[in-house]
């Protein structure tokens, strides 16, 4: 049967990064998501090949000029039939365009209006530019992605843009849709990447009170590369493996399979004073064999082990192949929708679309008559690729 969000209609105002990611998540789960691109983004007929951006998969694309009053009117006609709208502009931009929350909720009182920003709708940084690296810095996350004595290393843009941003926006939309079913009223969601990244650090606020995590000494704790039994190690072929042998029984298995079982120096696992020296010793052990050899020894054991794979290697690993973790859509390999459900079946309904590729089709499906669509096209308020 269709994905669990089948039947919901959601409008995505085109943006980059976390907004499209949230829209992809919602579309993967079965929602009918329409992406509204700028009319100026239409350069001519849509190419025969899909758009290259995987984040755009699973939804149709309409091109509307929101600086044209008729374009604004057209968007509000779509809003009237939508369950949710998501946007990722700086605070105040949607209001200046005439499609802010107040206007949209007046048109459709049940509408869920999701807003995605880096800093939030208010606060001293609210109108400032920023990127993932800045948001996770202010949230108290980036400082702790560091080895002892070294500078922090940005974890790509996964923690702010996607973990603290797009994922929280999608979660917020679903929560608000559930609430609207009971109350009959929509509401506005203020999703800020700095807020989401801060929430992702919740466990470390707890660990800082137990001695397992010292906020003032990055790279010395249990999970931040301080421990010799929780780190990545280089192998003889220059590739890497990951070890996470925290629990005593898993640590015992690590010592057994590395040949360190009888070494008295490794007996006191949680003596933090010994960790730097033990890390040096075990690193030499791992350097003695290739990654493939360590896979032969440790893969699918209770060491808590996995090879460190690139995205291309991950797509080919037997475990991921068996689960179908990666799929091919229009010739491009990409992650399969997640999570999985026992009855509902998330799916990628279509490859990424180009700006304006479905303008007339969507406007028709959402209730605009042919004469109205022709007038909008003629005025330039909307464009068809």
Protein backbone atom coordinates (compact mmCIF):
# COMPACT_ATOMS: atom_id res chain seq x y z
CA UNK A 1 0.00 0.00 0.00
CA UNK A 2 1.12 3.64 -0.42
CA UNK A 3 3.44 5.46 1.98
CA UNK A 4 2.09 6.60 5.36
CA UNK A 5 1.65 10.25 4.26
CA UNK A 6 -0.39 9.34 1.19
CA UNK A 7 -3.24 11.81 0.71
CA UNK A 8 -1.50 14.85 2.19
CA UNK A 9 -0.76 17.78 -0.12
CA UNK A 10 2.29 19.89 0.65
CA UNK A 11 3.72 22.97 -1.08
CA UNK A 12 7.48 23.46 -1.02
CA UNK A 13 8.77 26.94 -1.79
CA UNK A 14 12.07 26.30 -3.57
CA UNK A 15 15.25 26.71 -1.56
CA UNK A 16 18.49 24.84 -1.00
CA UNK A 17 19.74 22.25 1.49
CA UNK A 18 17.46 21.56 4.44
CA UNK A 19 14.19 22.67 2.79
CA UNK A 20 14.49 20.33 -0.19
CA UNK A 21 15.67 17.56 2.15
CA UNK A 22 12.55 17.93 4.31
CA UNK A 23 10.39 17.96 1.17
CA UNK A 24 12.13 14.83 -0.10
CA UNK A 25 11.50 13.08 3.23
CA UNK A 26 7.81 13.96 3.09
CA UNK A 27 7.50 12.93 -0.57
CA UNK A 28 9.32 9.65 0.10
CA UNK A 29 6.67 8.90 2.72
CA UNK A 30 3.88 9.29 0.18
CA UNK A 31 2.82 12.94 0.46
CA UNK A 32 1.99 14.79 -2.74
CA UNK A 33 4.63 17.51 -2.62
CA UNK A 34 4.71 20.27 -5.23
CA UNK A 35 7.88 22.35 -5.46
CA UNK A 36 7.30 25.98 -6.39
CA UNK A 37 10.33 27.35 -8.25
CA UNK A 38 10.91 30.89 -9.45
CA UNK A 39 9.46 31.58 -12.90
CA UNK A 40 12.86 33.03 -13.84
CA UNK A 41 14.42 29.59 -13.31
CA UNK A 42 12.67 28.28 -16.44
CA UNK A 43 15.17 28.53 -19.30
CA UNK A 44 13.18 26.74 -21.98
CA UNK A 45 11.62 23.32 -22.52
CA UNK A 46 12.45 20.79 -19.81
CA UNK A 47 15.38 18.53 -20.83
CA UNK A 48 14.68 14.87 -21.52
CA UNK A 49 16.97 13.83 -18.64
CA UNK A 50 15.99 14.35 -14.98
CA UNK A 51 17.45 17.13 -12.87
CA UNK A 52 20.78 16.13 -11.31
CA UNK A 53 19.82 16.97 -7.70
CA UNK A 54 18.73 13.83 -5.84
CA UNK A 55 17.10 16.01 -3.15
CA UNK A 56 14.46 17.03 -5.72
CA UNK A 57 13.16 13.51 -6.27
CA UNK A 58 9.56 12.42 -5.88
CA UNK A 59 7.70 15.63 -6.61
CA UNK A 60 6.33 17.81 -9.40
CA UNK A 61 7.58 21.31 -10.13
CA UNK A 62 5.62 24.51 -10.77
CA UNK A 63 7.23 27.83 -11.75
CA UNK A 64 5.56 30.93 -10.29
CA UNK A 65 6.66 34.56 -10.28
CA UNK A 66 5.99 35.65 -6.69
CA UNK A 67 6.87 39.25 -7.56
CA UNK A 68 3.86 39.29 -9.86
CA UNK A 69 0.53 39.85 -8.04
CA UNK A 70 -1.11 37.26 -10.27
CA UNK A 71 1.62 34.80 -9.33
CA UNK A 72 0.93 35.44 -5.65
CA UNK A 73 -2.77 34.91 -6.31
CA UNK A 74 -1.99 31.61 -8.05
CA UNK A 75 0.08 30.39 -5.11
CA UNK A 76 -2.73 31.30 -2.71
CA UNK A 77 -5.10 29.24 -4.83
CA UNK A 78 -2.79 26.27 -4.29
CA UNK A 79 -2.56 27.09 -0.57
CA UNK A 80 -6.34 26.81 -0.34
CA UNK A 81 -6.08 23.12 -1.21
CA UNK A 82 -2.88 22.29 0.69
CA UNK A 83 -2.32 20.63 4.04
CA UNK A 84 1.08 22.22 4.58
CA UNK A 85 3.55 24.70 3.12
CA UNK A 86 7.29 24.82 3.83
CA UNK A 87 9.70 27.67 3.09
CA UNK A 88 13.33 28.49 3.88
CA UNK A 89 13.78 32.24 3.41
CA UNK A 90 15.15 34.72 5.93
CA UNK A 91 12.53 36.03 8.38
CA UNK A 92 10.17 38.49 6.73
CA UNK A 93 10.77 37.55 3.10
CA UNK A 94 7.55 35.57 2.66
CA UNK A 95 5.62 38.40 4.31
CA UNK A 96 7.09 40.92 1.86
CA UNK A 97 6.07 38.66 -1.03
CA UNK A 98 2.50 38.63 0.27
CA UNK A 99 2.41 34.95 1.19
CA UNK A 100 3.40 35.03 4.85
CA UNK A 101 1.72 32.87 7.50
CA UNK A 102 -1.05 35.35 8.33
CA UNK A 103 -2.20 35.62 4.71
CA UNK A 104 -1.93 31.89 4.05
CA UNK A 105 -3.73 30.88 7.25
CA UNK A 106 -6.50 33.35 6.48
CA UNK A 107 -6.92 31.61 3.13
CA UNK A 108 -6.68 28.13 4.68
CA UNK A 109 -7.12 27.99 8.48
CA UNK A 110 -6.06 24.32 8.62
CA UNK A 111 -2.72 24.99 6.92
CA UNK A 112 0.53 23.90 8.58
CA UNK A 113 3.11 26.58 7.73
CA UNK A 114 6.68 25.30 8.19
CA UNK A 115 9.54 27.81 8.31
CA UNK A 116 13.19 26.78 8.00
CA UNK A 117 16.00 29.15 8.95
CA UNK A 118 19.46 28.90 10.42
CA UNK A 119 19.03 31.21 13.41
CA UNK A 120 15.24 31.24 13.92
CA UNK A 121 12.56 33.85 13.41
CA UNK A 122 13.92 36.11 16.16
CA UNK A 123 17.13 36.69 18.11
CA UNK A 124 20.19 38.87 17.51
CA UNK A 125 21.40 36.67 14.61
CA UNK A 126 17.98 36.27 12.96
CA UNK A 127 18.66 38.48 9.93
CA UNK A 128 22.32 37.49 9.49
CA UNK A 129 23.59 35.18 6.77
CA UNK A 130 25.00 31.84 7.86
CA UNK A 131 25.74 28.26 6.92
CA UNK A 132 25.75 24.89 8.65
CA UNK A 133 29.22 25.45 10.10
CA UNK A 134 28.00 28.62 11.84
CA UNK A 135 24.74 27.19 13.18
CA UNK A 136 26.38 24.14 14.76
CA UNK A 137 29.09 26.38 16.22
CA UNK A 138 26.56 28.53 18.08
CA UNK A 139 24.60 25.42 19.13
CA UNK A 140 27.58 24.03 21.04
CA UNK A 141 28.09 21.09 18.70
CA UNK A 142 31.07 21.85 16.43
CA UNK A 143 33.50 22.46 19.32
CA UNK A 144 33.27 18.79 20.22
CA UNK A 145 34.05 17.35 16.79
CA UNK A 146 37.76 17.48 17.53
CA UNK A 147 40.63 15.26 18.54
CA UNK A 148 42.62 16.28 21.61
CA UNK A 149 44.73 19.34 20.88
CA UNK A 150 43.37 19.74 17.34
CA UNK A 151 40.93 22.12 15.68
CA UNK A 152 37.27 21.08 15.29
CA UNK A 153 36.42 19.37 11.99
CA UNK A 154 33.01 20.18 10.43
CA UNK A 155 30.99 16.94 10.02
CA UNK A 156 30.12 17.83 6.42
CA UNK A 157 26.82 19.73 6.66
CA UNK A 158 24.87 16.85 8.17
CA UNK A 159 24.37 18.15 11.73
CA UNK A 160 22.96 21.60 10.96
CA UNK A 161 21.41 21.50 7.51
CA UNK A 162 20.05 17.98 7.55
CA UNK A 163 19.98 16.59 11.11
CA UNK A 164 19.13 19.80 12.98
CA UNK A 165 17.34 21.45 10.07
CA UNK A 166 15.55 19.43 7.41
CA UNK A 167 14.82 16.45 9.64
CA UNK A 168 13.35 18.68 12.37
CA UNK A 169 11.25 20.53 9.79
CA UNK A 170 9.81 17.28 8.44
CA UNK A 171 9.18 16.08 11.99
CA UNK A 172 7.52 19.37 12.89
CA UNK A 173 5.26 19.25 9.83
CA UNK A 174 4.07 15.74 10.65
CA UNK A 175 3.49 16.68 14.31
CA UNK A 176 1.47 19.75 13.29
CA UNK A 177 -0.55 17.75 10.74
CA UNK A 178 -1.48 15.28 13.48
CA UNK A 179 -2.49 18.13 15.80
CA UNK A 180 -4.55 19.79 13.04
CA UNK A 181 -6.58 16.60 12.65
CA UNK A 182 -7.76 17.00 16.26
CA UNK A 183 -8.00 20.78 16.57
CA UNK A 184 -9.09 21.67 13.05
CA UNK A 185 -6.55 24.50 13.04
CA UNK A 186 -3.20 24.98 11.39
CA UNK A 187 -0.19 26.70 12.90
CA UNK A 188 3.29 28.03 12.17
CA UNK A 189 6.45 25.98 12.78
CA UNK A 190 9.65 27.92 13.56
CA UNK A 191 12.41 25.45 12.68
CA UNK A 192 15.91 26.78 13.36
CA UNK A 193 19.04 24.79 12.62
CA UNK A 194 20.73 26.16 15.72
CA UNK A 195 17.83 24.84 17.84
CA UNK A 196 17.84 21.43 16.16
CA UNK A 197 21.61 21.02 16.46
CA UNK A 198 21.35 21.93 20.15
CA UNK A 199 18.70 19.23 20.67
CA UNK A 200 20.97 16.68 18.95
CA UNK A 201 23.53 17.36 21.71
CA UNK A 202 21.07 16.41 24.49
CA UNK A 203 22.87 13.22 25.54
CA UNK A 204 26.13 15.10 25.94
CA UNK A 205 24.51 17.56 28.34
CA UNK A 206 23.78 14.49 30.46
CA UNK A 207 27.21 12.92 29.96
CA UNK A 208 28.91 16.15 31.00
CA UNK A 209 27.53 15.63 34.51
CA UNK A 210 28.79 12.04 34.77
CA UNK A 211 32.45 12.52 33.88
CA UNK A 212 32.14 10.68 30.56
CA UNK A 213 32.25 13.93 28.60
CA UNK A 214 34.30 17.01 29.46
CA UNK A 215 33.05 20.05 27.49
CA UNK A 216 36.34 21.84 28.13
CA UNK A 217 38.57 19.01 26.84
CA UNK A 218 37.41 17.87 23.39
CA UNK A 219 38.80 14.59 22.16
CA UNK A 220 39.34 13.03 25.59
CA UNK A 221 35.97 11.41 26.28
CA UNK A 222 34.23 8.15 25.57
CA UNK A 223 32.64 9.04 22.22
CA UNK A 224 34.84 11.86 20.89
CA UNK A 225 37.96 9.77 20.03
CA UNK A 226 39.42 9.85 23.54
CA UNK A 227 38.93 6.13 24.14
CA UNK A 228 41.08 3.49 22.45
CA UNK A 229 38.03 1.25 22.02
CA UNK A 230 35.89 3.89 20.23
CA UNK A 231 37.69 5.32 17.23
CA UNK A 232 38.68 4.82 13.62
CA UNK A 233 41.99 3.15 12.78
CA UNK A 234 44.17 3.08 9.70
CA UNK A 235 44.96 -0.27 8.11
CA UNK A 236 47.94 -1.54 6.13
CA UNK A 237 46.35 -0.53 2.81
CA UNK A 238 45.64 3.05 3.94
CA UNK A 239 41.94 2.35 4.44
CA UNK A 240 40.11 2.65 7.75
CA UNK A 241 37.96 0.61 10.12
CA UNK A 242 35.69 1.74 12.97
CA UNK A 243 35.65 0.23 16.46
CA UNK A 244 32.95 0.86 19.08
CA UNK A 245 33.61 -1.76 21.76
CA UNK A 246 32.13 0.11 24.74
CA UNK A 247 30.40 -2.63 26.74
CA UNK A 248 32.68 -5.08 28.63
CA UNK A 249 31.63 -8.12 26.60
CA UNK A 250 32.29 -6.30 23.35
CA UNK A 251 35.63 -5.01 24.64
CA UNK A 252 36.60 -8.59 25.56
CA UNK A 253 35.82 -9.67 22.00
CA UNK A 254 37.96 -6.80 20.66
CA UNK A 255 40.93 -7.95 22.73
CA UNK A 256 40.41 -11.57 21.69
CA UNK A 257 40.29 -10.86 17.96
CA UNK A 258 43.23 -8.42 18.03
CA UNK A 259 45.40 -10.85 20.02
CA UNK A 260 45.53 -8.48 23.00
CA UNK A 261 43.46 -10.70 25.29
CA UNK A 262 46.35 -11.56 27.60
CA UNK A 263 47.92 -8.10 27.69
CA UNK A 264 47.60 -6.80 31.26
CA UNK A 265 47.86 -3.19 30.05
CA UNK A 266 44.46 -3.48 28.36
CA UNK A 267 42.70 -5.08 31.34
CA UNK A 268 41.40 -1.86 32.93
CA UNK A 269 39.21 -0.63 30.10
CA UNK A 270 37.87 2.52 31.76
CA UNK A 271 41.12 3.90 33.19
CA UNK A 272 41.20 7.14 31.21
CA UNK A 273 44.81 7.83 32.15
CA UNK A 274 45.84 4.79 30.07
CA UNK A 275 43.74 5.62 27.01
CA UNK A 276 46.35 7.63 25.03
CA UNK A 277 49.00 4.92 25.43
CA UNK A 278 46.59 2.08 24.67
CA UNK A 279 45.36 3.94 21.60
CA UNK A 280 48.92 4.09 20.25
CA UNK A 281 49.43 0.39 20.87
CA UNK A 282 46.19 -0.80 19.31
CA UNK A 283 46.72 1.49 16.33
CA UNK A 284 49.90 -0.45 15.53
CA UNK A 285 47.94 -3.71 15.68
CA UNK A 286 45.43 -2.48 13.15
CA UNK A 287 48.20 -1.21 10.88
CA UNK A 288 49.47 -4.77 10.51
CA UNK A 289 46.56 -5.92 8.34
CA UNK A 290 44.51 -4.55 5.46
CA UNK A 291 40.93 -3.42 5.86
CA UNK A 292 39.75 -6.53 4.00
CA UNK A 293 41.71 -8.75 6.38
CA UNK A 294 40.14 -7.07 9.42
CA UNK A 295 36.72 -7.51 7.81
CA UNK A 296 37.43 -11.23 7.54
CA UNK A 297 38.26 -11.32 11.23
CA UNK A 298 35.71 -8.91 12.73
CA UNK A 299 32.80 -8.35 10.39
CA UNK A 300 29.43 -9.45 11.82
CA UNK A 301 30.97 -10.18 15.24
CA UNK A 302 30.16 -8.52 18.57
CA UNK A 303 33.25 -6.33 18.49
CA UNK A 304 31.03 -3.48 17.23
CA UNK A 305 33.02 -3.16 14.03
CA UNK A 306 32.47 -1.84 10.52
CA UNK A 307 34.74 -0.83 7.66
CA UNK A 308 34.82 2.91 6.98
CA UNK A 309 33.27 3.12 3.51
CA UNK A 310 32.90 5.85 0.93
CA UNK A 311 29.40 6.40 -0.48
CA UNK A 312 30.30 4.33 -3.55
CA UNK A 313 31.67 1.50 -1.42
CA UNK A 314 28.59 1.63 0.84
CA UNK A 315 26.29 1.08 -2.14
CA UNK A 316 28.17 -2.12 -2.98
CA UNK A 317 28.58 -3.61 0.49
CA UNK A 318 26.79 -6.99 0.83
CA UNK A 319 24.78 -5.94 3.91
CA UNK A 320 23.42 -2.85 2.18
CA UNK A 321 22.79 -4.79 -1.02
CA UNK A 322 20.83 -7.44 0.89
CA UNK A 323 18.66 -4.78 2.58
CA UNK A 324 18.30 -2.69 -0.56
CA UNK A 325 19.58 0.37 1.31
CA UNK A 326 20.46 2.03 -1.98
CA UNK A 327 18.35 2.13 -5.12
CA UNK A 328 18.68 3.39 -8.67
CA UNK A 329 16.33 6.08 -9.93
CA UNK A 330 16.64 7.15 -13.56
CA UNK A 331 20.13 5.71 -13.70
CA UNK A 332 21.40 7.40 -10.51
CA UNK A 333 22.28 5.46 -7.37
CA UNK A 334 20.92 7.04 -4.20
CA UNK A 335 19.65 6.14 -0.71
CA UNK A 336 16.34 4.34 -0.49
CA UNK A 337 13.54 6.07 1.47
CA UNK A 338 13.72 5.39 5.20
CA UNK A 339 12.43 4.29 7.65
CA UNK A 340 10.55 1.16 6.61
CA UNK A 341 7.02 0.22 7.63
CA UNK A 342 5.27 -3.13 7.98
CA UNK A 343 2.31 -2.11 5.79
CA UNK A 344 2.93 1.27 4.17
CA UNK A 345 5.58 1.33 1.46
CA UNK A 346 7.59 4.53 1.01
CA UNK A 347 8.84 5.00 -2.53
CA UNK A 348 10.46 7.45 -4.90
CA UNK A 349 7.50 8.33 -7.10
CA UNK A 350 9.49 10.17 -9.78
CA UNK A 351 13.01 11.36 -10.61
CA UNK A 352 14.00 14.98 -9.87
CA UNK A 353 12.05 17.50 -11.94
CA UNK A 354 13.18 20.69 -13.66
CA UNK A 355 11.77 24.15 -12.82
CA UNK A 356 8.32 24.57 -14.34
CA UNK A 357 8.20 21.05 -15.75
CA UNK A 358 4.67 20.38 -14.45
CA UNK A 359 3.16 23.86 -14.13
CA UNK A 360 0.02 23.35 -16.22
CA UNK A 361 -0.45 19.77 -15.04
CA UNK A 362 -0.31 20.70 -11.35
CA UNK A 363 -2.50 23.79 -11.65
CA UNK A 364 -5.13 21.69 -13.38
CA UNK A 365 -4.93 18.92 -10.78
CA UNK A 366 -5.24 21.44 -7.94
CA UNK A 367 -8.45 22.92 -9.34
CA UNK A 368 -7.58 25.87 -11.61
CA UNK A 369 -9.61 25.91 -14.82
CA UNK A 370 -8.08 26.04 -18.30
CA UNK A 371 -8.92 29.70 -18.91
CA UNK A 372 -7.32 30.74 -15.63
CA UNK A 373 -4.16 28.77 -16.41
CA UNK A 374 -3.92 30.26 -19.88
CA UNK A 375 -4.24 33.76 -18.44
CA UNK A 376 -1.51 33.08 -15.87
CA UNK A 377 0.81 31.74 -18.57
CA UNK A 378 0.10 34.68 -20.85
CA UNK A 379 0.87 37.21 -18.09
CA UNK A 380 4.12 35.52 -17.09
CA UNK A 381 2.80 34.92 -13.59
CA UNK A 382 3.55 31.24 -14.13
CA UNK A 383 5.77 29.48 -16.66
CA UNK A 384 5.74 26.05 -18.24
CA UNK A 385 9.08 24.44 -19.11
